[in-house]
Amino acid sequence: MILMMVIGTIIFALTLSARMTQLGIETQRLMNYTQNRENNYLMARSALEIGINLLRNDSGDTDSLQDYWAKGEITLQWEGRPVSLRIVDEESKFPLSYMQNNPDDCSYLEAALTRFMEMGGVASGPAAVDQFLDWVDPDGARRAQGAEEADYSDSRKFKDGPCHSLYEVTALPAWQELPHLRSPRKEFSWEDSGLGIGGAPVGQSAATPAAAQSASDGKGTAEFGGSSFGNSVPDAQTLGAAETSPWGEWMSVYSCGKVNINTAPVEVLRSLDEKMTETVVNEIDSMRRSSAFKDINDLRNVTGFDEDLRHRVSNYLCVKSQTFEVRAVVRSVPGTVKLTAIVERSGNQVKVLRWEVN
């Protein structure tokens, strides 16, 4: 009997030891996962801070495709992890922000948004416009192809006010079809820039990630950006391209309500007015690549841009952007971490309007 008890005790002890060993292994795995995930987050956070500092130190009177932040998505290997940083001005996108703040006084932009939908091959364009306006306006009146609460089988609670995220818009039924347009955003290799981490030129000491180097004039001539970027600007996109791209590449509910003539994709410019023909927009695009428009009145130098057209579109155009999306992504084990911030810039002050972690 005693022998059986001893054997039983030994078996129990061995089983317990094996379980404790397995528990220790699983605990260590969890600790490693958590630590690696935290490291990815901290690296993404540092990259995001670099982007915000770039905007804070951009003191130029205009924002254009020549600015260092507009060169495209920057990618690099950072401590063995692939890291990307992208800055996009919300004023380069179609201003849903104006429409949602003025739902009963935006007929001009309603027509423009419908044109954009048509150019993007979106069959539900008119319904998408009406659904959006019904979603954001405070009344219960249903537009021709729109929808109010009673029209939805899930009886969703209506916003009846400005959206705080584009996700709210793209959840509407008529917005499920993506525009058949190639993404207007360009990927830019960090190695091609000639810069090291933190903005220091390759071969020199890099700054710590959270303390990005300051830029003196906002035109890529300072330490971050530098002349290594050259004069290249993203290529114009082809209207009606077969590829699709997310609505977030084209629409903004955060912008100041105007479109930056220097940074907006040609598709957005084409949609603004019937007289913004392909010929007119191509000339605008050609001119802004050699020199940014300093003032809306400079558009008088564009062939075909007459006073009648200037009068109609001038209230919806700008040359200096105010709101930006800054996105940092780290793609590494145990999983991708993406941080996105919507920030508003005023002078050298940057205010975070929205913050997302994915």
Protein backbone atom coordinates (compact mmCIF):
# COMPACT_ATOMS: atom_id res chain seq x y z
CA MET A 1 0.00 0.00 0.00
CA ILE A 2 2.78 2.38 0.94
CA LEU A 3 4.57 1.56 -2.30
CA MET A 4 1.44 2.34 -4.30
CA MET A 5 1.08 5.67 -2.49
CA VAL A 6 4.72 6.52 -3.21
CA ILE A 7 4.32 5.61 -6.89
CA GLY A 8 1.09 7.64 -7.07
CA THR A 9 2.79 10.61 -5.45
CA ILE A 10 5.68 10.41 -7.93
CA ILE A 11 3.30 10.20 -10.89
CA PHE A 12 1.31 13.16 -9.57
CA ALA A 13 4.50 15.15 -9.04
CA LEU A 14 5.75 14.37 -12.54
CA THR A 15 2.38 15.29 -14.05
CA LEU A 16 2.25 18.51 -12.07
CA SER A 17 5.83 19.31 -13.06
CA ALA A 18 5.03 18.73 -16.75
CA ARG A 19 1.96 20.92 -16.51
CA MET A 20 3.90 23.63 -14.71
CA THR A 21 6.61 23.43 -17.37
CA GLN A 22 4.01 23.78 -20.12
CA LEU A 23 2.37 26.63 -18.21
CA GLY A 24 5.77 28.30 -17.92
CA ILE A 25 6.35 27.92 -21.64
CA GLU A 26 2.92 29.37 -22.45
CA THR A 27 3.48 32.21 -19.98
CA GLN A 28 6.83 33.00 -21.58
CA ARG A 29 5.24 32.95 -25.03
CA LEU A 30 2.57 35.35 -23.84
CA MET A 31 5.20 37.62 -22.30
CA ASN A 32 7.22 37.58 -25.54
CA TYR A 33 4.10 38.30 -27.58
CA THR A 34 3.14 41.20 -25.34
CA GLN A 35 6.66 42.62 -25.36
CA ASN A 36 7.01 42.35 -29.15
CA ARG A 37 3.58 43.87 -29.65
CA GLU A 38 4.48 46.72 -27.30
CA ASN A 39 7.77 47.25 -29.15
CA ASN A 40 5.89 47.44 -32.45
CA TYR A 41 3.48 49.95 -30.95
CA LEU A 42 6.26 52.12 -29.54
CA MET A 43 8.08 52.09 -32.87
CA ALA A 44 4.89 53.08 -34.71
CA ARG A 45 4.28 55.79 -32.13
CA SER A 46 7.78 57.19 -32.68
CA ALA A 47 7.29 57.19 -36.46
CA LEU A 48 3.96 58.96 -36.02
CA GLU A 49 5.62 61.62 -33.88
CA ILE A 50 8.18 62.19 -36.62
CA GLY A 51 5.34 62.84 -39.05
CA ILE A 52 3.61 65.26 -36.69
CA ASN A 53 6.89 67.11 -36.11
CA LEU A 54 7.34 67.45 -39.87
CA LEU A 55 3.98 69.19 -40.11
CA ARG A 56 4.67 71.33 -37.06
CA ASN A 57 7.82 72.68 -38.70
CA ASP A 58 6.35 73.24 -42.15
CA SER A 59 6.14 77.02 -42.30
CA GLY A 60 5.58 77.49 -46.03
CA ASP A 61 2.79 79.71 -47.33
CA THR A 62 1.53 76.92 -49.57
CA ASP A 63 1.27 73.15 -49.49
CA SER A 64 2.11 71.37 -52.71
CA LEU A 65 3.40 68.16 -54.24
CA GLN A 66 6.92 69.55 -53.80
CA ASP A 67 6.67 69.38 -50.00
CA TYR A 68 8.62 66.55 -48.40
CA TRP A 69 5.58 65.13 -46.62
CA ALA A 70 3.73 64.89 -49.98
CA LYS A 71 6.36 62.71 -51.65
CA GLY A 72 4.49 59.54 -50.77
CA GLU A 73 4.57 56.73 -48.24
CA ILE A 74 8.08 56.32 -46.85
CA THR A 75 9.26 52.79 -46.03
CA LEU A 76 12.36 51.61 -44.19
CA GLN A 77 13.81 48.82 -42.06
CA TRP A 78 13.96 50.02 -38.47
CA GLU A 79 15.76 47.69 -36.04
CA GLY A 80 14.86 44.82 -38.35
CA ARG A 81 11.19 45.81 -38.55
CA PRO A 82 9.52 47.17 -41.72
CA VAL A 83 8.14 50.61 -40.88
CA SER A 84 6.16 52.96 -43.11
CA LEU A 85 5.10 56.57 -42.60
CA ARG A 86 2.52 58.39 -44.70
CA ILE A 87 1.21 61.95 -44.50
CA VAL A 88 -1.76 63.02 -46.62
CA ASP A 89 -3.49 66.38 -46.45
CA GLU A 90 -7.25 66.00 -46.09
CA GLU A 91 -7.66 69.07 -48.32
CA SER A 92 -6.42 66.95 -51.22
CA LYS A 93 -9.66 64.96 -50.97
CA PHE A 94 -13.27 65.67 -51.86
CA PRO A 95 -14.77 67.85 -49.07
CA LEU A 96 -17.60 65.81 -47.60
CA SER A 97 -16.83 67.93 -44.55
CA TYR A 98 -18.41 70.98 -46.20
CA MET A 99 -21.46 69.02 -47.30
CA GLN A 100 -22.14 67.53 -43.88
CA ASN A 101 -21.86 70.92 -42.20
CA ASN A 102 -24.11 72.52 -44.82
CA PRO A 103 -26.46 69.71 -45.93
CA ASP A 104 -29.18 72.08 -47.12
CA ASP A 105 -26.84 74.47 -48.91
CA CYS A 106 -24.43 72.30 -50.89
CA SER A 107 -26.11 71.80 -54.25
CA TYR A 108 -22.89 72.74 -56.06
CA LEU A 109 -20.91 70.02 -54.29
CA GLU A 110 -23.79 67.56 -54.66
CA ALA A 111 -23.39 67.85 -58.43
CA ALA A 112 -19.61 67.60 -58.06
CA LEU A 113 -19.83 64.46 -55.92
CA THR A 114 -22.19 62.88 -58.44
CA ARG A 115 -19.66 63.65 -61.20
CA PHE A 116 -16.89 62.04 -59.17
CA MET A 117 -18.99 58.92 -58.71
CA GLU A 118 -19.64 58.76 -62.44
CA MET A 119 -15.95 59.17 -63.29
CA GLY A 120 -15.12 56.44 -60.79
CA GLY A 121 -17.62 54.09 -62.35
CA VAL A 122 -19.79 53.91 -59.22
CA ALA A 123 -23.28 52.92 -60.37
CA SER A 124 -24.97 53.97 -57.13
CA GLY A 125 -23.65 57.54 -57.27
CA PRO A 126 -26.94 59.53 -56.97
CA ALA A 127 -28.15 57.22 -54.19
CA ALA A 128 -24.81 57.54 -52.39
CA VAL A 129 -25.09 61.34 -52.42
CA ASP A 130 -28.69 61.33 -51.16
CA GLN A 131 -28.02 58.70 -48.50
CA PHE A 132 -25.07 60.66 -47.17
CA LEU A 133 -27.05 63.90 -46.95
CA ASP A 134 -30.01 62.16 -45.28
CA TRP A 135 -27.57 60.60 -42.83
CA VAL A 136 -26.02 63.90 -41.72
CA ASP A 137 -28.93 66.37 -41.92
CA PRO A 138 -31.05 66.87 -38.76
CA ASP A 139 -34.47 66.52 -40.41
CA GLY A 140 -36.45 63.39 -41.20
CA ALA A 141 -37.28 64.32 -44.80
CA ARG A 142 -36.23 61.63 -47.26
CA ARG A 143 -34.39 62.68 -50.42
CA ALA A 144 -35.29 61.08 -53.77
CA GLN A 145 -32.76 58.23 -53.53
CA GLY A 146 -31.82 58.69 -49.91
CA ALA A 147 -32.83 56.85 -46.76
CA GLU A 148 -34.09 57.73 -43.32
CA GLU A 149 -34.32 55.49 -40.26
CA ALA A 150 -37.52 53.73 -41.40
CA ASP A 151 -35.84 52.69 -44.67
CA TYR A 152 -33.26 50.49 -42.96
CA SER A 153 -34.20 46.97 -41.94
CA ASP A 154 -31.82 47.10 -38.99
CA SER A 155 -33.44 50.35 -37.78
CA ARG A 156 -30.03 51.90 -37.28
CA LYS A 157 -29.89 55.04 -35.18
CA PHE A 158 -29.28 58.00 -37.43
CA LYS A 159 -26.40 60.38 -37.00
CA ASP A 160 -28.47 63.48 -37.82
CA GLY A 161 -25.26 65.49 -37.61
CA PRO A 162 -21.67 65.65 -38.92
CA CYS A 163 -19.79 62.35 -39.03
CA HIS A 164 -16.70 61.97 -36.90
CA SER A 165 -15.31 59.23 -39.10
CA LEU A 166 -15.50 58.21 -42.73
CA TYR A 167 -16.39 54.73 -41.47
CA GLU A 168 -19.89 56.01 -40.75
CA VAL A 169 -20.28 57.06 -44.39
CA THR A 170 -18.84 53.93 -45.96
CA ALA A 171 -21.21 51.76 -43.88
CA LEU A 172 -24.15 53.17 -45.87
CA PRO A 173 -25.48 50.69 -48.48
CA ALA A 174 -24.85 52.86 -51.54
CA TRP A 175 -21.21 53.35 -50.49
CA GLN A 176 -20.32 49.65 -50.59
CA GLU A 177 -19.02 49.86 -54.16
CA LEU A 178 -15.49 51.25 -54.30
CA PRO A 179 -14.41 53.79 -56.94
CA HIS A 180 -12.76 52.17 -59.95
CA LEU A 181 -9.71 54.39 -59.72
CA ARG A 182 -6.06 53.71 -59.00
CA SER A 183 -4.92 54.97 -55.63
CA PRO A 184 -3.50 58.51 -55.95
CA ARG A 185 -0.94 57.84 -53.20
CA LYS A 186 2.62 56.91 -54.11
CA GLU A 187 5.00 54.70 -52.16
CA PHE A 188 8.40 56.26 -51.60
CA SER A 189 11.42 54.25 -50.49
CA TRP A 190 13.28 55.68 -47.50
CA GLU A 191 16.53 54.33 -48.92
CA ASP A 192 15.98 56.40 -52.07
CA SER A 193 15.74 59.53 -49.96
CA GLY A 194 19.32 59.25 -48.72
CA LEU A 195 18.15 59.67 -45.13
CA GLY A 196 18.78 57.65 -42.00
CA ILE A 197 16.37 57.05 -39.15
CA GLY A 198 15.13 60.24 -37.57
CA GLY A 199 15.90 62.30 -40.63
CA ALA A 200 19.68 62.45 -40.53
CA PRO A 201 21.51 61.96 -43.85
CA VAL A 202 22.98 58.48 -44.29
CA GLY A 203 26.46 58.32 -42.78
CA GLN A 204 25.63 60.83 -40.04
CA SER A 205 24.17 60.24 -36.59
CA ALA A 206 20.41 59.88 -36.65
CA ALA A 207 18.19 61.64 -34.19
CA THR A 208 16.16 59.62 -31.71
CA PRO A 209 12.84 58.67 -33.30
CA ALA A 210 10.69 60.76 -30.98
CA ALA A 211 12.76 63.84 -31.57
CA ALA A 212 12.69 64.32 -35.31
CA GLN A 213 14.85 67.00 -36.82
CA SER A 214 13.18 70.34 -37.46
CA ALA A 215 12.61 71.75 -40.93
CA SER A 216 13.29 75.40 -41.53
CA ASP A 217 11.13 76.37 -44.49
CA GLY A 218 8.69 73.53 -45.08
CA LYS A 219 9.98 72.89 -48.59
CA GLY A 220 12.27 69.92 -48.00
CA THR A 221 15.48 71.93 -47.75
CA ALA A 222 16.12 71.26 -44.08
CA GLU A 223 17.67 68.21 -42.43
CA PHE A 224 14.58 66.01 -42.71
CA GLY A 225 13.67 65.75 -46.37
CA GLY A 226 16.66 67.67 -47.63
CA SER A 227 17.68 68.07 -51.23
CA SER A 228 17.94 64.29 -51.52
CA PHE A 229 14.25 64.24 -52.37
CA GLY A 230 15.01 66.10 -55.58
CA ASN A 231 12.19 67.67 -57.56
CA SER A 232 10.22 64.53 -58.33
CA VAL A 233 6.51 64.57 -57.56
CA PRO A 234 3.93 61.77 -57.66
CA ASP A 235 2.71 60.89 -61.13
CA ALA A 236 -0.78 61.92 -62.23
CA GLN A 237 -3.26 59.09 -62.17
CA THR A 238 -5.31 57.82 -65.09
CA LEU A 239 -9.01 58.62 -64.97
CA GLY A 240 -11.19 55.53 -64.98
CA ALA A 241 -8.38 53.11 -64.14
CA ALA A 242 -9.59 49.55 -63.72
CA GLU A 243 -8.24 49.20 -60.19
CA THR A 244 -10.24 50.10 -57.12
CA SER A 245 -9.12 52.06 -54.09
CA PRO A 246 -10.66 52.78 -50.66
CA TRP A 247 -12.98 55.72 -50.18
CA GLY A 248 -10.54 57.09 -47.63
CA GLU A 249 -8.14 57.88 -50.47
CA TRP A 250 -10.68 60.25 -52.01
CA MET A 251 -13.14 61.57 -49.42
CA SER A 252 -12.72 63.57 -46.22
CA VAL A 253 -15.05 64.44 -43.36
CA TYR A 254 -12.20 66.20 -41.55
CA SER A 255 -10.96 68.81 -44.04
CA CYS A 256 -11.53 72.55 -43.74
CA GLY A 257 -14.14 72.19 -46.50
CA LYS A 258 -11.90 73.24 -49.36
CA VAL A 259 -9.75 71.44 -51.95
CA ASN A 260 -6.05 72.25 -52.23
CA ILE A 261 -5.44 73.01 -55.91
CA ASN A 262 -1.77 72.07 -55.46
CA THR A 263 -2.22 68.58 -53.99
CA ALA A 264 -5.63 67.24 -55.06
CA PRO A 265 -5.61 64.30 -57.49
CA VAL A 266 -6.73 65.19 -61.00
CA GLU A 267 -9.89 63.14 -60.49
CA VAL A 268 -11.01 65.36 -57.62
CA LEU A 269 -10.27 68.52 -59.60
CA ARG A 270 -12.16 67.18 -62.63
CA SER A 271 -15.25 66.57 -60.51
CA LEU A 272 -15.53 70.11 -59.15
CA ASP A 273 -17.09 71.70 -62.21
CA GLU A 274 -18.28 70.78 -65.69
CA LYS A 275 -15.81 73.30 -67.11
CA MET A 276 -12.93 71.62 -65.28
CA THR A 277 -12.28 69.60 -68.40
CA GLU A 278 -9.45 67.16 -68.91
CA THR A 279 -7.55 69.84 -70.87
CA VAL A 280 -7.94 72.44 -68.11
CA VAL A 281 -7.03 70.03 -65.32
CA ASN A 282 -4.01 68.68 -67.19
CA GLU A 283 -2.67 72.21 -67.60
CA ILE A 284 -3.25 72.89 -63.89
CA ASP A 285 -1.42 69.69 -63.07
CA SER A 286 1.47 70.57 -65.37
CA MET A 287 1.83 74.07 -63.95
CA ARG A 288 1.72 73.02 -60.28
CA ARG A 289 4.49 70.48 -60.85
CA SER A 290 6.93 73.19 -61.86
CA SER A 291 5.71 75.79 -59.38
CA ALA A 292 2.96 75.68 -56.76
CA PHE A 293 0.01 78.03 -57.10
CA LYS A 294 0.53 80.76 -54.53
CA ASP A 295 -3.01 82.10 -54.76
CA ILE A 296 -6.31 81.02 -56.28
CA ASN A 297 -6.13 84.04 -58.57
CA ASP A 298 -3.06 82.43 -60.21
CA LEU A 299 -5.51 80.11 -61.95
CA ARG A 300 -6.27 82.99 -64.32
CA ASN A 301 -3.06 81.96 -66.09
CA VAL A 302 -4.56 78.56 -66.94
CA THR A 303 -5.95 78.37 -70.47
CA GLY A 304 -9.71 77.80 -70.31
CA PHE A 305 -10.00 78.83 -66.67
CA ASP A 306 -12.20 81.87 -67.24
CA GLU A 307 -13.74 84.28 -64.75
CA ASP A 308 -17.05 82.45 -64.74
CA LEU A 309 -15.34 79.22 -63.70
CA ARG A 310 -13.15 80.99 -61.16
CA HIS A 311 -16.22 82.60 -59.61
CA ARG A 312 -17.94 79.23 -59.17
CA VAL A 313 -15.05 77.20 -57.77
CA SER A 314 -13.04 79.79 -55.82
CA ASN A 315 -15.06 79.24 -52.63
CA TYR A 316 -14.07 75.58 -52.66
CA LEU A 317 -10.34 75.92 -53.39
CA CYS A 318 -7.27 76.72 -51.29
CA VAL A 319 -3.47 76.57 -51.61
CA LYS A 320 -2.61 75.82 -47.96
CA SER A 321 -3.82 72.69 -46.20
CA GLN A 322 -5.04 72.64 -42.63
CA THR A 323 -5.88 69.02 -41.79
CA PHE A 324 -3.74 65.91 -42.27
CA GLU A 325 -3.85 62.17 -41.84
CA VAL A 326 -0.60 60.84 -40.40
CA ARG A 327 -0.26 57.06 -40.52
CA ALA A 328 2.54 54.85 -39.20
CA VAL A 329 2.61 51.10 -39.76
CA VAL A 330 4.98 48.49 -38.34
CA ARG A 331 4.77 45.08 -40.02
CA SER A 332 6.51 42.58 -37.80
CA VAL A 333 5.92 39.54 -35.57
CA PRO A 334 3.62 39.11 -33.70
CA GLY A 335 1.43 41.25 -35.94
CA THR A 336 1.03 44.52 -37.79
CA VAL A 337 0.44 47.65 -35.72
CA LYS A 338 -1.08 50.66 -37.47
CA LEU A 339 -1.49 54.06 -35.85
CA THR A 340 -3.49 56.76 -37.59
CA ALA A 341 -3.94 60.32 -36.40
CA ILE A 342 -6.06 63.07 -37.92
CA VAL A 343 -4.40 66.34 -36.98
CA GLU A 344 -5.21 69.99 -37.49
CA ARG A 345 -2.35 72.40 -38.07
CA SER A 346 -2.47 76.08 -37.24
CA GLY A 347 0.86 77.88 -37.60
CA ASN A 348 3.36 75.65 -35.81
CA GLN A 349 0.71 74.16 -33.53
CA VAL A 350 -0.70 70.70 -34.25
CA LYS A 351 -3.89 69.46 -32.60
CA VAL A 352 -4.90 65.79 -32.72
CA LEU A 353 -8.56 65.44 -33.75
CA ARG A 354 -8.77 61.66 -33.93
CA TRP A 355 -6.53 58.76 -32.94
CA GLU A 356 -6.83 55.13 -34.01
CA VAL A 357 -4.83 52.01 -33.16
CA ASN A 358 -5.24 48.86 -35.28
